[in-house]
Amino acid sequence: MEFSIKHNDDFFEIKVSGEAELSKYGDFLDALIGHDKWKPGTPVLVDEMELDTSPLTVGNVQQIADMCGQRRAELGPAKCALLAGRDLEFGMIRMWGVFVEGKWDIVSDLFTVREEAIGWLKE
């Protein structure tokens, strides 16, 4: 699994690709928080259009939600738009959304169209 982080004027964008690996989720969260332009509460776009989540289990998805919760203070109250290109990733993200509920202060939504996701982040 590879990821890249880019700061735009209004939000951060994380692109994730390849086969999903549990440990890399913590890595990209820490890289985001450690970015020199990061401030808690900054909106984030997570682009998983080129990600294959088939290696993940339900337990892994729960662990990813826990990783998010462990970074609650550093992430702050923000918006997170997630992009999914296939039904599998769409379903995995929906499941993650259930597991992460109440563990952090971020409002998230799932999209299949990039422009819609960015528009929602900027509302």
N, C-alpha and C. Protein backbone atom coordinates (compact mmCIF):
# COMPACT_ATOMS: atom_id res chain seq x y z
N MET A 1 0.85 -1.17 0.00
CA MET A 1 0.00 0.00 0.00
C MET A 1 0.89 1.23 0.00
N GLU A 2 0.61 2.12 -0.88
CA GLU A 2 1.33 3.38 -0.99
C GLU A 2 0.38 4.52 -0.66
N PHE A 3 0.93 5.62 -0.14
CA PHE A 3 0.11 6.81 0.08
C PHE A 3 0.95 8.05 -0.16
N SER A 4 0.25 9.11 -0.54
CA SER A 4 0.89 10.42 -0.68
C SER A 4 -0.04 11.45 -0.04
N ILE A 5 0.58 12.49 0.50
CA ILE A 5 -0.19 13.55 1.16
C ILE A 5 0.16 14.87 0.51
N LYS A 6 -0.89 15.61 0.14
CA LYS A 6 -0.71 16.90 -0.50
C LYS A 6 -1.57 17.93 0.22
N HIS A 7 -1.02 19.11 0.45
CA HIS A 7 -1.79 20.19 1.06
C HIS A 7 -2.27 21.12 -0.04
N ASN A 8 -3.58 21.28 -0.11
CA ASN A 8 -4.18 22.26 -1.02
C ASN A 8 -4.50 23.49 -0.18
N ASP A 9 -4.99 24.52 -0.79
CA ASP A 9 -5.29 25.73 -0.03
C ASP A 9 -6.33 25.51 1.07
N ASP A 10 -7.34 24.69 0.79
CA ASP A 10 -8.46 24.54 1.71
C ASP A 10 -8.50 23.20 2.45
N PHE A 11 -7.72 22.21 2.00
CA PHE A 11 -7.81 20.88 2.59
C PHE A 11 -6.55 20.08 2.27
N PHE A 12 -6.43 18.97 2.97
CA PHE A 12 -5.37 18.00 2.67
C PHE A 12 -5.95 16.90 1.80
N GLU A 13 -5.13 16.33 0.94
CA GLU A 13 -5.54 15.20 0.14
C GLU A 13 -4.57 14.04 0.36
N ILE A 14 -5.13 12.89 0.71
CA ILE A 14 -4.34 11.68 0.87
C ILE A 14 -4.77 10.72 -0.22
N LYS A 15 -3.82 10.31 -1.07
CA LYS A 15 -4.11 9.30 -2.10
C LYS A 15 -3.52 7.99 -1.62
N VAL A 16 -4.35 6.95 -1.63
CA VAL A 16 -3.96 5.64 -1.17
C VAL A 16 -4.14 4.66 -2.33
N SER A 17 -3.13 3.81 -2.57
CA SER A 17 -3.23 2.88 -3.69
C SER A 17 -2.55 1.55 -3.35
N GLY A 18 -2.82 0.55 -4.19
CA GLY A 18 -2.24 -0.77 -4.00
C GLY A 18 -3.09 -1.62 -3.09
N GLU A 19 -2.50 -2.70 -2.58
CA GLU A 19 -3.21 -3.60 -1.67
C GLU A 19 -3.16 -3.03 -0.25
N ALA A 20 -4.32 -2.93 0.37
CA ALA A 20 -4.42 -2.36 1.72
C ALA A 20 -3.60 -3.16 2.71
N GLU A 21 -2.88 -2.42 3.59
CA GLU A 21 -2.09 -3.03 4.67
C GLU A 21 -2.47 -2.31 5.97
N LEU A 22 -2.84 -3.08 6.95
CA LEU A 22 -3.30 -2.52 8.22
C LEU A 22 -2.34 -1.48 8.79
N SER A 23 -1.07 -1.79 8.88
CA SER A 23 -0.10 -0.89 9.53
C SER A 23 0.05 0.44 8.80
N LYS A 24 -0.20 0.45 7.52
CA LYS A 24 -0.02 1.69 6.74
C LYS A 24 -1.07 2.75 7.07
N TYR A 25 -2.22 2.34 7.59
CA TYR A 25 -3.23 3.32 7.97
C TYR A 25 -2.72 4.20 9.11
N GLY A 26 -2.09 3.60 10.09
CA GLY A 26 -1.48 4.38 11.16
C GLY A 26 -0.37 5.27 10.62
N ASP A 27 0.40 4.74 9.66
CA ASP A 27 1.48 5.52 9.06
C ASP A 27 0.95 6.77 8.37
N PHE A 28 -0.13 6.63 7.59
CA PHE A 28 -0.61 7.83 6.89
C PHE A 28 -1.30 8.80 7.82
N LEU A 29 -1.94 8.31 8.87
CA LEU A 29 -2.50 9.24 9.86
C LEU A 29 -1.39 10.02 10.56
N ASP A 30 -0.32 9.32 10.94
CA ASP A 30 0.80 9.99 11.60
C ASP A 30 1.51 10.96 10.65
N ALA A 31 1.62 10.60 9.38
CA ALA A 31 2.25 11.50 8.39
C ALA A 31 1.40 12.75 8.21
N LEU A 32 0.08 12.60 8.21
CA LEU A 32 -0.80 13.75 8.10
C LEU A 32 -0.64 14.67 9.30
N ILE A 33 -0.72 14.10 10.49
CA ILE A 33 -0.60 14.89 11.72
C ILE A 33 0.78 15.54 11.82
N GLY A 34 1.79 14.89 11.30
CA GLY A 34 3.15 15.41 11.35
C GLY A 34 3.50 16.39 10.24
N HIS A 35 2.59 16.58 9.29
CA HIS A 35 2.84 17.52 8.19
C HIS A 35 3.01 18.93 8.74
N ASP A 36 3.95 19.68 8.19
CA ASP A 36 4.23 21.02 8.73
C ASP A 36 3.07 22.00 8.57
N LYS A 37 2.12 21.72 7.69
CA LYS A 37 0.96 22.62 7.52
C LYS A 37 -0.29 22.09 8.22
N TRP A 38 -0.16 20.97 8.91
CA TRP A 38 -1.34 20.39 9.57
C TRP A 38 -1.76 21.21 10.77
N LYS A 39 -3.08 21.42 10.87
CA LYS A 39 -3.71 22.01 12.04
C LYS A 39 -4.94 21.16 12.34
N PRO A 40 -5.18 20.82 13.61
CA PRO A 40 -6.38 20.05 13.93
C PRO A 40 -7.63 20.75 13.38
N GLY A 41 -8.50 19.97 12.79
CA GLY A 41 -9.73 20.51 12.23
C GLY A 41 -9.65 20.81 10.74
N THR A 42 -8.51 20.62 10.12
CA THR A 42 -8.38 20.87 8.69
C THR A 42 -9.13 19.76 7.93
N PRO A 43 -9.93 20.13 6.93
CA PRO A 43 -10.64 19.11 6.13
C PRO A 43 -9.65 18.21 5.38
N VAL A 44 -10.08 16.95 5.16
CA VAL A 44 -9.23 15.96 4.51
C VAL A 44 -10.04 15.20 3.45
N LEU A 45 -9.43 15.02 2.30
CA LEU A 45 -9.96 14.16 1.25
C LEU A 45 -9.09 12.91 1.21
N VAL A 46 -9.70 11.75 1.39
CA VAL A 46 -8.97 10.49 1.30
C VAL A 46 -9.43 9.79 0.02
N ASP A 47 -8.53 9.74 -0.96
CA ASP A 47 -8.82 9.17 -2.27
C ASP A 47 -8.37 7.70 -2.29
N GLU A 48 -9.35 6.80 -2.24
CA GLU A 48 -9.08 5.37 -2.26
C GLU A 48 -9.51 4.75 -3.59
N MET A 49 -9.54 5.56 -4.64
CA MET A 49 -9.99 5.07 -5.95
C MET A 49 -9.08 3.97 -6.50
N GLU A 50 -7.83 3.95 -6.11
CA GLU A 50 -6.89 2.94 -6.61
C GLU A 50 -6.44 1.98 -5.51
N LEU A 51 -7.26 1.86 -4.48
CA LEU A 51 -6.95 0.97 -3.35
C LEU A 51 -7.71 -0.34 -3.48
N ASP A 52 -7.06 -1.43 -3.14
CA ASP A 52 -7.68 -2.76 -3.09
C ASP A 52 -7.76 -3.18 -1.63
N THR A 53 -8.96 -3.16 -1.07
CA THR A 53 -9.13 -3.49 0.35
C THR A 53 -9.40 -4.98 0.58
N SER A 54 -9.30 -5.81 -0.46
CA SER A 54 -9.63 -7.23 -0.30
C SER A 54 -8.76 -7.95 0.75
N PRO A 55 -7.51 -7.52 1.03
CA PRO A 55 -6.75 -8.21 2.08
C PRO A 55 -7.25 -7.94 3.50
N LEU A 56 -8.09 -6.93 3.71
CA LEU A 56 -8.53 -6.55 5.05
C LEU A 56 -9.67 -7.44 5.55
N THR A 57 -9.66 -7.69 6.86
CA THR A 57 -10.74 -8.41 7.51
C THR A 57 -11.63 -7.41 8.26
N VAL A 58 -12.75 -7.89 8.75
CA VAL A 58 -13.62 -7.04 9.58
C VAL A 58 -12.84 -6.56 10.81
N GLY A 59 -12.06 -7.45 11.39
CA GLY A 59 -11.24 -7.07 12.55
C GLY A 59 -10.24 -5.98 12.20
N ASN A 60 -9.66 -6.05 11.01
CA ASN A 60 -8.73 -5.00 10.56
C ASN A 60 -9.45 -3.66 10.45
N VAL A 61 -10.66 -3.68 9.93
CA VAL A 61 -11.42 -2.44 9.79
C VAL A 61 -11.71 -1.85 11.17
N GLN A 62 -12.01 -2.70 12.14
CA GLN A 62 -12.20 -2.22 13.51
C GLN A 62 -10.90 -1.61 14.05
N GLN A 63 -9.77 -2.23 13.76
CA GLN A 63 -8.47 -1.71 14.21
C GLN A 63 -8.17 -0.35 13.57
N ILE A 64 -8.53 -0.17 12.32
CA ILE A 64 -8.32 1.12 11.64
C ILE A 64 -9.16 2.19 12.33
N ALA A 65 -10.39 1.85 12.67
CA ALA A 65 -11.25 2.79 13.40
C ALA A 65 -10.62 3.14 14.75
N ASP A 66 -10.05 2.16 15.42
CA ASP A 66 -9.38 2.41 16.70
C ASP A 66 -8.17 3.35 16.51
N MET A 67 -7.43 3.17 15.42
CA MET A 67 -6.29 4.05 15.13
C MET A 67 -6.76 5.49 14.99
N CYS A 68 -7.89 5.68 14.35
CA CYS A 68 -8.44 7.03 14.20
C CYS A 68 -8.80 7.60 15.57
N GLY A 69 -9.44 6.78 16.38
CA GLY A 69 -9.83 7.23 17.72
C GLY A 69 -8.64 7.58 18.60
N GLN A 70 -7.54 6.86 18.44
CA GLN A 70 -6.34 7.14 19.23
C GLN A 70 -5.72 8.49 18.88
N ARG A 71 -6.07 9.03 17.73
CA ARG A 71 -5.52 10.31 17.28
C ARG A 71 -6.58 11.41 17.30
N ARG A 72 -7.62 11.19 18.08
CA ARG A 72 -8.76 12.10 18.14
C ARG A 72 -8.34 13.55 18.40
N ALA A 73 -7.54 13.78 19.40
CA ALA A 73 -7.15 15.15 19.76
C ALA A 73 -6.31 15.80 18.67
N GLU A 74 -5.40 15.03 18.07
CA GLU A 74 -4.52 15.59 17.04
C GLU A 74 -5.27 15.91 15.76
N LEU A 75 -6.34 15.14 15.49
CA LEU A 75 -7.13 15.37 14.27
C LEU A 75 -8.15 16.49 14.47
N GLY A 76 -8.74 16.56 15.64
CA GLY A 76 -9.70 17.62 15.94
C GLY A 76 -11.02 17.43 15.21
N PRO A 77 -11.92 18.42 15.38
CA PRO A 77 -13.22 18.36 14.69
C PRO A 77 -13.04 18.85 13.25
N ALA A 78 -13.30 18.00 12.31
CA ALA A 78 -13.09 18.35 10.90
C ALA A 78 -14.07 17.58 10.03
N LYS A 79 -13.91 17.77 8.73
CA LYS A 79 -14.65 17.00 7.73
C LYS A 79 -13.66 16.11 7.00
N CYS A 80 -14.11 14.91 6.69
CA CYS A 80 -13.29 13.97 5.93
C CYS A 80 -14.16 13.38 4.82
N ALA A 81 -13.80 13.66 3.57
CA ALA A 81 -14.49 13.08 2.42
C ALA A 81 -13.67 11.89 1.94
N LEU A 82 -14.32 10.78 1.74
CA LEU A 82 -13.65 9.57 1.27
C LEU A 82 -14.16 9.22 -0.12
N LEU A 83 -13.23 8.90 -1.01
CA LEU A 83 -13.57 8.52 -2.38
C LEU A 83 -13.34 7.03 -2.57
N ALA A 84 -14.33 6.33 -3.11
CA ALA A 84 -14.19 4.91 -3.40
C ALA A 84 -14.61 4.65 -4.84
N GLY A 85 -13.88 3.78 -5.50
CA GLY A 85 -14.16 3.51 -6.90
C GLY A 85 -14.88 2.19 -7.17
N ARG A 86 -14.85 1.28 -6.19
CA ARG A 86 -15.48 -0.02 -6.39
C ARG A 86 -16.43 -0.32 -5.23
N ASP A 87 -17.36 -1.23 -5.47
CA ASP A 87 -18.32 -1.60 -4.43
C ASP A 87 -17.64 -2.14 -3.19
N LEU A 88 -16.56 -2.91 -3.35
CA LEU A 88 -15.87 -3.48 -2.19
C LEU A 88 -15.36 -2.37 -1.27
N GLU A 89 -14.65 -1.40 -1.83
CA GLU A 89 -14.12 -0.30 -1.00
C GLU A 89 -15.25 0.54 -0.43
N PHE A 90 -16.29 0.75 -1.22
CA PHE A 90 -17.45 1.50 -0.73
C PHE A 90 -18.01 0.82 0.52
N GLY A 91 -18.17 -0.49 0.46
CA GLY A 91 -18.70 -1.24 1.60
C GLY A 91 -17.75 -1.24 2.79
N MET A 92 -16.45 -1.38 2.53
CA MET A 92 -15.47 -1.37 3.62
C MET A 92 -15.46 -0.01 4.33
N ILE A 93 -15.56 1.05 3.55
CA ILE A 93 -15.58 2.39 4.15
C ILE A 93 -16.85 2.58 4.97
N ARG A 94 -17.96 2.09 4.47
CA ARG A 94 -19.22 2.17 5.23
C ARG A 94 -19.08 1.43 6.57
N MET A 95 -18.48 0.25 6.52
CA MET A 95 -18.28 -0.52 7.74
C MET A 95 -17.36 0.24 8.70
N TRP A 96 -16.26 0.80 8.19
CA TRP A 96 -15.35 1.60 9.01
C TRP A 96 -16.11 2.76 9.65
N GLY A 97 -17.02 3.38 8.89
CA GLY A 97 -17.79 4.50 9.43
C GLY A 97 -18.62 4.12 10.64
N VAL A 98 -19.14 2.91 10.65
CA VAL A 98 -19.89 2.42 11.81
C VAL A 98 -18.96 2.22 13.00
N PHE A 99 -17.79 1.63 12.74
CA PHE A 99 -16.84 1.35 13.82
C PHE A 99 -16.20 2.60 14.41
N VAL A 100 -16.03 3.65 13.61
CA VAL A 100 -15.34 4.85 14.08
C VAL A 100 -16.30 5.83 14.78
N GLU A 101 -17.58 5.61 14.62
CA GLU A 101 -18.57 6.52 15.20
C GLU A 101 -18.37 6.65 16.71
N GLY A 102 -18.28 7.89 17.17
CA GLY A 102 -18.09 8.18 18.59
C GLY A 102 -16.65 8.12 19.06
N LYS A 103 -15.74 7.68 18.19
CA LYS A 103 -14.33 7.57 18.58
C LYS A 103 -13.52 8.81 18.23
N TRP A 104 -14.10 9.68 17.39
CA TRP A 104 -13.40 10.91 17.03
C TRP A 104 -14.43 11.99 16.74
N ASP A 105 -13.95 13.19 16.45
CA ASP A 105 -14.85 14.33 16.26
C ASP A 105 -14.95 14.74 14.80
N ILE A 106 -14.62 13.85 13.91
CA ILE A 106 -14.64 14.16 12.48
C ILE A 106 -15.97 13.70 11.89
N VAL A 107 -16.51 14.54 11.01
CA VAL A 107 -17.70 14.19 10.25
C VAL A 107 -17.20 13.68 8.90
N SER A 108 -17.61 12.48 8.54
CA SER A 108 -17.14 11.92 7.27
C SER A 108 -18.31 11.58 6.35
N ASP A 109 -18.01 11.56 5.06
CA ASP A 109 -19.00 11.16 4.07
C ASP A 109 -18.26 10.45 2.95
N LEU A 110 -18.97 9.61 2.25
CA LEU A 110 -18.39 8.76 1.21
C LEU A 110 -18.90 9.18 -0.15
N PHE A 111 -17.99 9.25 -1.12
CA PHE A 111 -18.32 9.71 -2.47
C PHE A 111 -17.70 8.79 -3.51
N THR A 112 -18.25 8.86 -4.71
CA THR A 112 -17.68 8.16 -5.86
C THR A 112 -17.19 9.15 -6.92
N VAL A 113 -17.52 10.43 -6.73
CA VAL A 113 -17.13 11.48 -7.67
C VAL A 113 -16.29 12.52 -6.93
N ARG A 114 -15.07 12.73 -7.40
CA ARG A 114 -14.12 13.63 -6.76
C ARG A 114 -14.67 15.05 -6.57
N GLU A 115 -15.27 15.61 -7.60
CA GLU A 115 -15.77 16.99 -7.53
C GLU A 115 -16.84 17.14 -6.46
N GLU A 116 -17.68 16.12 -6.31
CA GLU A 116 -18.71 16.16 -5.26
C GLU A 116 -18.06 16.12 -3.87
N ALA A 117 -17.03 15.31 -3.73
CA ALA A 117 -16.33 15.22 -2.44
C ALA A 117 -15.70 16.55 -2.07
N ILE A 118 -15.03 17.17 -3.02
CA ILE A 118 -14.38 18.46 -2.77
C ILE A 118 -15.43 19.53 -2.47
N GLY A 119 -16.52 19.53 -3.21
CA GLY A 119 -17.60 20.49 -2.95
C GLY A 119 -18.14 20.35 -1.54
N TRP A 120 -18.32 19.12 -1.07
CA TRP A 120 -18.81 18.87 0.28
C TRP A 120 -17.82 19.37 1.31
N LEU A 121 -16.52 19.14 1.07
CA LEU A 121 -15.50 19.60 2.02
C LEU A 121 -15.52 21.12 2.17
N LYS A 122 -15.83 21.81 1.09
CA LYS A 122 -15.76 23.28 1.10
C LYS A 122 -17.06 23.93 1.55
N GLU A 123 -18.11 23.15 1.81
CA GLU A 123 -19.40 23.72 2.27
C GLU A 123 -19.24 24.36 3.63
